[in-house]
Amino acid sequence: MNLGGISIPSQLVGYAVGLDSQIYKTIDGGGPPFTSSVRNSPPCDCNTTLTQHPLDQSVELHFDAVATQSEIDLYDLLGRKLGSITVEPNRNSITIDISKYTSGVYLARYRGRLYRFVKV
């Protein structure tokens, strides 16, 4: 398994996000894991970066502009979809407001790739 991120919020609870979009969770410090899948589509051949400033309440996603409307889906570490953001054609960046989310690790899916960010 290739890992995209690990979060251990307590002695018994831990999460690992695989690059294959699998989310692994343990609630007993290492017993059988709970797994969840974030819907995955073939990754794009695009230049995309996620920028986060630790004290800001937002993250920025920068990408190559595309001619069609697209979506950014936001998930928590349990794989629950929190919402979607529409990206209008010919945009090359978007700011995602994360002020309403509690502290934790989140995922943004854009054009088939997952990007991890942390709300402190």
N, C-alpha and C. Protein backbone atom coordinates (compact mmCIF):
# COMPACT_ATOMS: atom_id res chain seq x y z
N MET A 1 0.85 -1.18 0.00
CA MET A 1 0.00 0.00 0.00
C MET A 1 0.89 1.24 0.00
N ASN A 2 0.66 2.16 -0.93
CA ASN A 2 1.34 3.45 -0.94
C ASN A 2 0.48 4.44 -0.17
N LEU A 3 1.07 5.12 0.81
CA LEU A 3 0.31 6.01 1.67
C LEU A 3 0.39 7.45 1.20
N GLY A 4 -0.74 8.14 1.23
CA GLY A 4 -0.80 9.54 0.93
C GLY A 4 -0.80 10.38 2.19
N GLY A 5 -1.07 9.77 3.35
CA GLY A 5 -1.07 10.50 4.60
C GLY A 5 -1.50 9.63 5.76
N ILE A 6 -1.05 9.99 6.96
CA ILE A 6 -1.41 9.27 8.17
C ILE A 6 -1.80 10.29 9.23
N SER A 7 -2.85 10.00 9.98
CA SER A 7 -3.27 10.84 11.09
C SER A 7 -3.56 9.94 12.28
N ILE A 8 -3.01 10.29 13.45
CA ILE A 8 -3.24 9.51 14.67
C ILE A 8 -3.71 10.50 15.74
N PRO A 9 -5.04 10.74 15.80
CA PRO A 9 -5.55 11.73 16.74
C PRO A 9 -5.57 11.30 18.20
N SER A 10 -5.46 9.98 18.47
CA SER A 10 -5.42 9.53 19.87
C SER A 10 -4.65 8.22 19.93
N GLN A 11 -4.51 7.68 21.14
CA GLN A 11 -3.75 6.44 21.32
C GLN A 11 -4.41 5.25 20.62
N LEU A 12 -5.72 5.26 20.47
CA LEU A 12 -6.41 4.12 19.89
C LEU A 12 -6.90 4.35 18.46
N VAL A 13 -7.07 5.59 18.06
CA VAL A 13 -7.63 5.88 16.74
C VAL A 13 -6.54 6.34 15.79
N GLY A 14 -6.55 5.77 14.59
CA GLY A 14 -5.60 6.17 13.56
C GLY A 14 -6.20 6.03 12.18
N TYR A 15 -5.77 6.89 11.27
CA TYR A 15 -6.25 6.88 9.89
C TYR A 15 -5.04 6.85 8.96
N ALA A 16 -5.17 6.15 7.85
CA ALA A 16 -4.16 6.18 6.79
C ALA A 16 -4.90 6.31 5.48
N VAL A 17 -4.42 7.20 4.63
CA VAL A 17 -5.03 7.41 3.32
C VAL A 17 -4.07 6.85 2.29
N GLY A 18 -4.52 5.87 1.52
CA GLY A 18 -3.70 5.29 0.47
C GLY A 18 -3.78 6.10 -0.80
N LEU A 19 -2.73 6.06 -1.60
CA LEU A 19 -2.74 6.76 -2.88
C LEU A 19 -3.75 6.14 -3.83
N ASP A 20 -4.24 4.95 -3.49
CA ASP A 20 -5.26 4.28 -4.29
C ASP A 20 -6.67 4.72 -3.87
N SER A 21 -6.77 5.78 -3.09
CA SER A 21 -8.03 6.37 -2.60
C SER A 21 -8.69 5.58 -1.49
N GLN A 22 -8.03 4.57 -0.94
CA GLN A 22 -8.58 3.83 0.20
C GLN A 22 -8.29 4.62 1.48
N ILE A 23 -9.24 4.62 2.39
CA ILE A 23 -9.07 5.25 3.69
C ILE A 23 -9.14 4.13 4.73
N TYR A 24 -8.11 3.99 5.54
CA TYR A 24 -8.02 2.95 6.55
C TYR A 24 -8.15 3.58 7.92
N LYS A 25 -8.92 2.95 8.81
CA LYS A 25 -9.13 3.48 10.15
C LYS A 25 -9.03 2.35 11.15
N THR A 26 -8.35 2.60 12.26
CA THR A 26 -8.36 1.67 13.37
C THR A 26 -8.91 2.41 14.58
N ILE A 27 -9.70 1.72 15.39
CA ILE A 27 -10.27 2.34 16.60
C ILE A 27 -9.83 1.62 17.85
N ASP A 28 -8.96 0.61 17.69
CA ASP A 28 -8.49 -0.13 18.86
C ASP A 28 -6.96 -0.22 18.90
N GLY A 29 -6.30 0.73 18.28
CA GLY A 29 -4.84 0.77 18.33
C GLY A 29 -4.16 -0.24 17.44
N GLY A 30 -4.86 -0.88 16.54
CA GLY A 30 -4.19 -1.79 15.62
C GLY A 30 -4.97 -3.03 15.27
N GLY A 31 -6.23 -3.09 15.67
CA GLY A 31 -7.07 -4.24 15.32
C GLY A 31 -7.48 -4.20 13.86
N PRO A 32 -8.46 -5.00 13.48
CA PRO A 32 -8.91 -5.03 12.09
C PRO A 32 -9.34 -3.64 11.64
N PRO A 33 -8.88 -3.18 10.49
CA PRO A 33 -9.21 -1.82 10.05
C PRO A 33 -10.57 -1.73 9.39
N PHE A 34 -11.15 -0.55 9.48
CA PHE A 34 -12.32 -0.18 8.70
C PHE A 34 -11.78 0.47 7.44
N THR A 35 -12.29 0.13 6.29
CA THR A 35 -11.83 0.78 5.07
C THR A 35 -13.01 1.41 4.36
N SER A 36 -12.74 2.50 3.68
CA SER A 36 -13.74 3.21 2.90
C SER A 36 -13.08 3.68 1.63
N SER A 37 -13.83 3.78 0.59
CA SER A 37 -13.28 4.20 -0.70
C SER A 37 -13.87 5.52 -1.12
N VAL A 38 -13.04 6.44 -1.53
CA VAL A 38 -13.48 7.66 -2.16
C VAL A 38 -13.55 7.34 -3.65
N ARG A 39 -14.68 7.65 -4.27
CA ARG A 39 -14.84 7.34 -5.70
C ARG A 39 -13.64 7.86 -6.47
N ASN A 40 -13.05 7.00 -7.26
CA ASN A 40 -11.83 7.34 -7.97
C ASN A 40 -12.08 7.29 -9.46
N SER A 41 -11.50 8.22 -10.19
CA SER A 41 -11.56 8.21 -11.64
C SER A 41 -10.13 8.32 -12.14
N PRO A 42 -9.88 8.01 -13.40
CA PRO A 42 -8.51 8.06 -13.89
C PRO A 42 -7.90 9.44 -13.67
N PRO A 43 -6.68 9.50 -13.16
CA PRO A 43 -6.06 10.80 -12.91
C PRO A 43 -5.80 11.55 -14.20
N CYS A 44 -5.87 12.86 -14.09
CA CYS A 44 -5.61 13.70 -15.25
C CYS A 44 -4.10 13.85 -15.45
N ASP A 45 -3.74 14.22 -16.63
CA ASP A 45 -2.35 14.54 -16.93
C ASP A 45 -2.23 16.05 -16.84
N CYS A 46 -2.28 16.56 -15.60
CA CYS A 46 -2.33 18.01 -15.41
C CYS A 46 -1.36 18.42 -14.30
N ASN A 47 -1.06 19.68 -14.30
CA ASN A 47 -0.14 20.26 -13.33
C ASN A 47 -0.97 20.91 -12.24
N THR A 48 -1.18 20.22 -11.12
CA THR A 48 -2.05 20.71 -10.05
C THR A 48 -1.29 20.71 -8.74
N THR A 49 -1.42 21.80 -7.98
CA THR A 49 -0.79 21.89 -6.66
C THR A 49 -1.79 22.47 -5.67
N LEU A 50 -1.66 22.06 -4.41
CA LEU A 50 -2.49 22.57 -3.34
C LEU A 50 -1.58 23.36 -2.41
N THR A 51 -1.95 24.59 -2.12
CA THR A 51 -1.17 25.46 -1.25
C THR A 51 -1.99 25.77 0.00
N GLN A 52 -1.38 25.57 1.15
CA GLN A 52 -2.07 25.87 2.41
C GLN A 52 -1.12 26.62 3.32
N HIS A 53 -1.64 27.68 3.91
CA HIS A 53 -0.89 28.43 4.90
C HIS A 53 -1.44 28.02 6.26
N PRO A 54 -0.59 27.57 7.19
CA PRO A 54 -1.06 26.97 8.44
C PRO A 54 -2.07 27.80 9.23
N LEU A 55 -1.98 29.11 9.21
CA LEU A 55 -2.88 29.93 10.01
C LEU A 55 -4.11 30.41 9.26
N ASP A 56 -4.14 30.19 7.94
CA ASP A 56 -5.28 30.60 7.13
C ASP A 56 -6.44 29.64 7.29
N GLN A 57 -7.62 30.12 7.00
CA GLN A 57 -8.82 29.29 7.02
C GLN A 57 -9.22 28.89 5.61
N SER A 58 -8.21 28.79 4.72
CA SER A 58 -8.49 28.42 3.34
C SER A 58 -7.28 27.70 2.75
N VAL A 59 -7.54 26.98 1.67
CA VAL A 59 -6.48 26.36 0.89
C VAL A 59 -6.69 26.78 -0.56
N GLU A 60 -5.61 26.83 -1.31
CA GLU A 60 -5.70 27.19 -2.72
C GLU A 60 -5.29 26.01 -3.57
N LEU A 61 -6.08 25.74 -4.59
CA LEU A 61 -5.77 24.70 -5.55
C LEU A 61 -5.43 25.41 -6.86
N HIS A 62 -4.22 25.18 -7.37
CA HIS A 62 -3.75 25.77 -8.62
C HIS A 62 -3.65 24.66 -9.66
N PHE A 63 -4.10 24.91 -10.86
CA PHE A 63 -4.15 23.87 -11.88
C PHE A 63 -4.09 24.49 -13.27
N ASP A 64 -3.87 23.65 -14.27
CA ASP A 64 -3.94 24.10 -15.65
C ASP A 64 -5.40 24.37 -15.98
N ALA A 65 -5.66 25.50 -16.60
CA ALA A 65 -7.02 25.85 -16.98
C ALA A 65 -7.55 24.86 -18.02
N VAL A 66 -8.82 24.51 -17.88
CA VAL A 66 -9.48 23.64 -18.86
C VAL A 66 -10.69 24.36 -19.44
N ALA A 67 -11.09 23.95 -20.62
CA ALA A 67 -12.15 24.65 -21.35
C ALA A 67 -13.55 24.30 -20.86
N THR A 68 -13.67 23.27 -20.03
CA THR A 68 -14.99 22.86 -19.57
C THR A 68 -15.13 23.04 -18.06
N GLN A 69 -16.36 23.13 -17.61
CA GLN A 69 -16.64 23.23 -16.17
C GLN A 69 -16.27 21.91 -15.50
N SER A 70 -15.72 21.99 -14.29
CA SER A 70 -15.36 20.78 -13.55
C SER A 70 -15.73 20.96 -12.09
N GLU A 71 -15.51 19.91 -11.30
CA GLU A 71 -15.88 19.93 -9.88
C GLU A 71 -14.70 19.54 -9.00
N ILE A 72 -14.63 20.14 -7.82
CA ILE A 72 -13.73 19.71 -6.76
C ILE A 72 -14.62 19.15 -5.67
N ASP A 73 -14.40 17.88 -5.31
CA ASP A 73 -15.17 17.24 -4.24
C ASP A 73 -14.34 17.23 -2.98
N LEU A 74 -14.96 17.53 -1.84
CA LEU A 74 -14.28 17.55 -0.55
C LEU A 74 -14.79 16.40 0.31
N TYR A 75 -13.85 15.70 0.99
CA TYR A 75 -14.17 14.54 1.82
C TYR A 75 -13.47 14.66 3.16
N ASP A 76 -14.06 14.03 4.18
CA ASP A 76 -13.34 13.86 5.44
C ASP A 76 -12.59 12.54 5.37
N LEU A 77 -11.85 12.20 6.43
CA LEU A 77 -11.04 10.98 6.40
C LEU A 77 -11.87 9.70 6.47
N LEU A 78 -13.15 9.82 6.78
CA LEU A 78 -14.01 8.64 6.78
C LEU A 78 -14.60 8.38 5.40
N GLY A 79 -14.24 9.24 4.44
CA GLY A 79 -14.75 9.08 3.08
C GLY A 79 -16.10 9.73 2.86
N ARG A 80 -16.59 10.49 3.84
CA ARG A 80 -17.87 11.16 3.68
C ARG A 80 -17.69 12.41 2.83
N LYS A 81 -18.53 12.54 1.82
CA LYS A 81 -18.46 13.72 0.96
C LYS A 81 -19.04 14.92 1.71
N LEU A 82 -18.25 15.99 1.81
CA LEU A 82 -18.67 17.18 2.54
C LEU A 82 -19.29 18.22 1.61
N GLY A 83 -18.98 18.13 0.34
CA GLY A 83 -19.51 19.10 -0.61
C GLY A 83 -18.71 19.12 -1.89
N SER A 84 -19.17 19.95 -2.80
CA SER A 84 -18.50 20.13 -4.09
C SER A 84 -18.36 21.61 -4.39
N ILE A 85 -17.33 21.95 -5.14
CA ILE A 85 -17.10 23.32 -5.58
C ILE A 85 -16.99 23.29 -7.09
N THR A 86 -17.74 24.13 -7.76
CA THR A 86 -17.71 24.19 -9.21
C THR A 86 -16.54 25.07 -9.66
N VAL A 87 -15.78 24.56 -10.61
CA VAL A 87 -14.68 25.32 -11.21
C VAL A 87 -15.14 25.72 -12.60
N GLU A 88 -15.26 27.01 -12.81
CA GLU A 88 -15.72 27.53 -14.10
C GLU A 88 -14.64 27.34 -15.17
N PRO A 89 -15.04 27.25 -16.44
CA PRO A 89 -14.06 27.08 -17.52
C PRO A 89 -13.00 28.19 -17.52
N ASN A 90 -11.81 27.82 -17.91
CA ASN A 90 -10.66 28.73 -18.07
C ASN A 90 -10.10 29.30 -16.77
N ARG A 91 -10.54 28.80 -15.62
CA ARG A 91 -9.95 29.20 -14.34
C ARG A 91 -8.69 28.37 -14.12
N ASN A 92 -7.70 28.94 -13.45
CA ASN A 92 -6.48 28.18 -13.16
C ASN A 92 -6.19 28.08 -11.67
N SER A 93 -7.11 28.56 -10.83
CA SER A 93 -6.96 28.39 -9.38
C SER A 93 -8.31 28.64 -8.72
N ILE A 94 -8.42 28.12 -7.50
CA ILE A 94 -9.63 28.35 -6.72
C ILE A 94 -9.24 28.31 -5.24
N THR A 95 -9.88 29.14 -4.44
CA THR A 95 -9.67 29.16 -3.00
C THR A 95 -10.82 28.42 -2.33
N ILE A 96 -10.48 27.49 -1.46
CA ILE A 96 -11.48 26.69 -0.75
C ILE A 96 -11.54 27.17 0.70
N ASP A 97 -12.69 27.64 1.12
CA ASP A 97 -12.89 28.10 2.50
C ASP A 97 -13.05 26.89 3.40
N ILE A 98 -12.15 26.72 4.38
CA ILE A 98 -12.23 25.58 5.29
C ILE A 98 -12.58 26.02 6.72
N SER A 99 -13.03 27.26 6.88
CA SER A 99 -13.32 27.78 8.22
C SER A 99 -14.44 27.02 8.92
N LYS A 100 -15.37 26.45 8.17
CA LYS A 100 -16.51 25.76 8.80
C LYS A 100 -16.19 24.35 9.26
N TYR A 101 -15.02 23.83 8.90
CA TYR A 101 -14.65 22.47 9.27
C TYR A 101 -13.90 22.44 10.59
N THR A 102 -14.07 21.35 11.33
CA THR A 102 -13.33 21.17 12.57
C THR A 102 -11.89 20.78 12.25
N SER A 103 -11.02 20.82 13.25
CA SER A 103 -9.63 20.43 13.05
C SER A 103 -9.57 18.98 12.57
N GLY A 104 -8.70 18.71 11.60
CA GLY A 104 -8.57 17.36 11.09
C GLY A 104 -7.94 17.33 9.71
N VAL A 105 -7.91 16.14 9.14
CA VAL A 105 -7.34 15.92 7.82
C VAL A 105 -8.48 15.76 6.82
N TYR A 106 -8.37 16.43 5.69
CA TYR A 106 -9.41 16.41 4.67
C TYR A 106 -8.79 16.10 3.31
N LEU A 107 -9.66 15.71 2.37
CA LEU A 107 -9.22 15.38 1.02
C LEU A 107 -10.01 16.21 0.02
N ALA A 108 -9.32 16.70 -0.99
CA ALA A 108 -9.97 17.35 -2.12
C ALA A 108 -9.68 16.50 -3.35
N ARG A 109 -10.72 16.15 -4.10
CA ARG A 109 -10.53 15.36 -5.32
C ARG A 109 -10.83 16.25 -6.51
N TYR A 110 -9.83 16.38 -7.38
CA TYR A 110 -9.99 17.19 -8.58
C TYR A 110 -9.43 16.44 -9.78
N ARG A 111 -10.25 16.21 -10.76
CA ARG A 111 -9.87 15.55 -12.02
C ARG A 111 -9.16 14.21 -11.77
N GLY A 112 -9.70 13.44 -10.81
CA GLY A 112 -9.21 12.09 -10.57
C GLY A 112 -8.06 11.95 -9.60
N ARG A 113 -7.59 13.05 -9.03
CA ARG A 113 -6.48 12.99 -8.07
C ARG A 113 -6.94 13.52 -6.72
N LEU A 114 -6.34 12.95 -5.67
CA LEU A 114 -6.64 13.38 -4.31
C LEU A 114 -5.54 14.29 -3.79
N TYR A 115 -5.95 15.34 -3.08
CA TYR A 115 -5.02 16.27 -2.46
C TYR A 115 -5.41 16.37 -0.99
N ARG A 116 -4.44 16.20 -0.12
CA ARG A 116 -4.68 16.17 1.33
C ARG A 116 -4.35 17.53 1.92
N PHE A 117 -5.20 17.98 2.86
CA PHE A 117 -4.89 19.19 3.61
C PHE A 117 -5.34 19.01 5.04
N VAL A 118 -4.75 19.80 5.93
CA VAL A 118 -5.00 19.68 7.37
C VAL A 118 -5.57 21.00 7.87
N LYS A 119 -6.66 20.91 8.61
CA LYS A 119 -7.22 22.07 9.29
C LYS A 119 -6.74 22.00 10.74
N VAL A 120 -6.05 23.03 11.19
CA VAL A 120 -5.50 23.07 12.55
C VAL A 120 -6.48 23.73 13.49
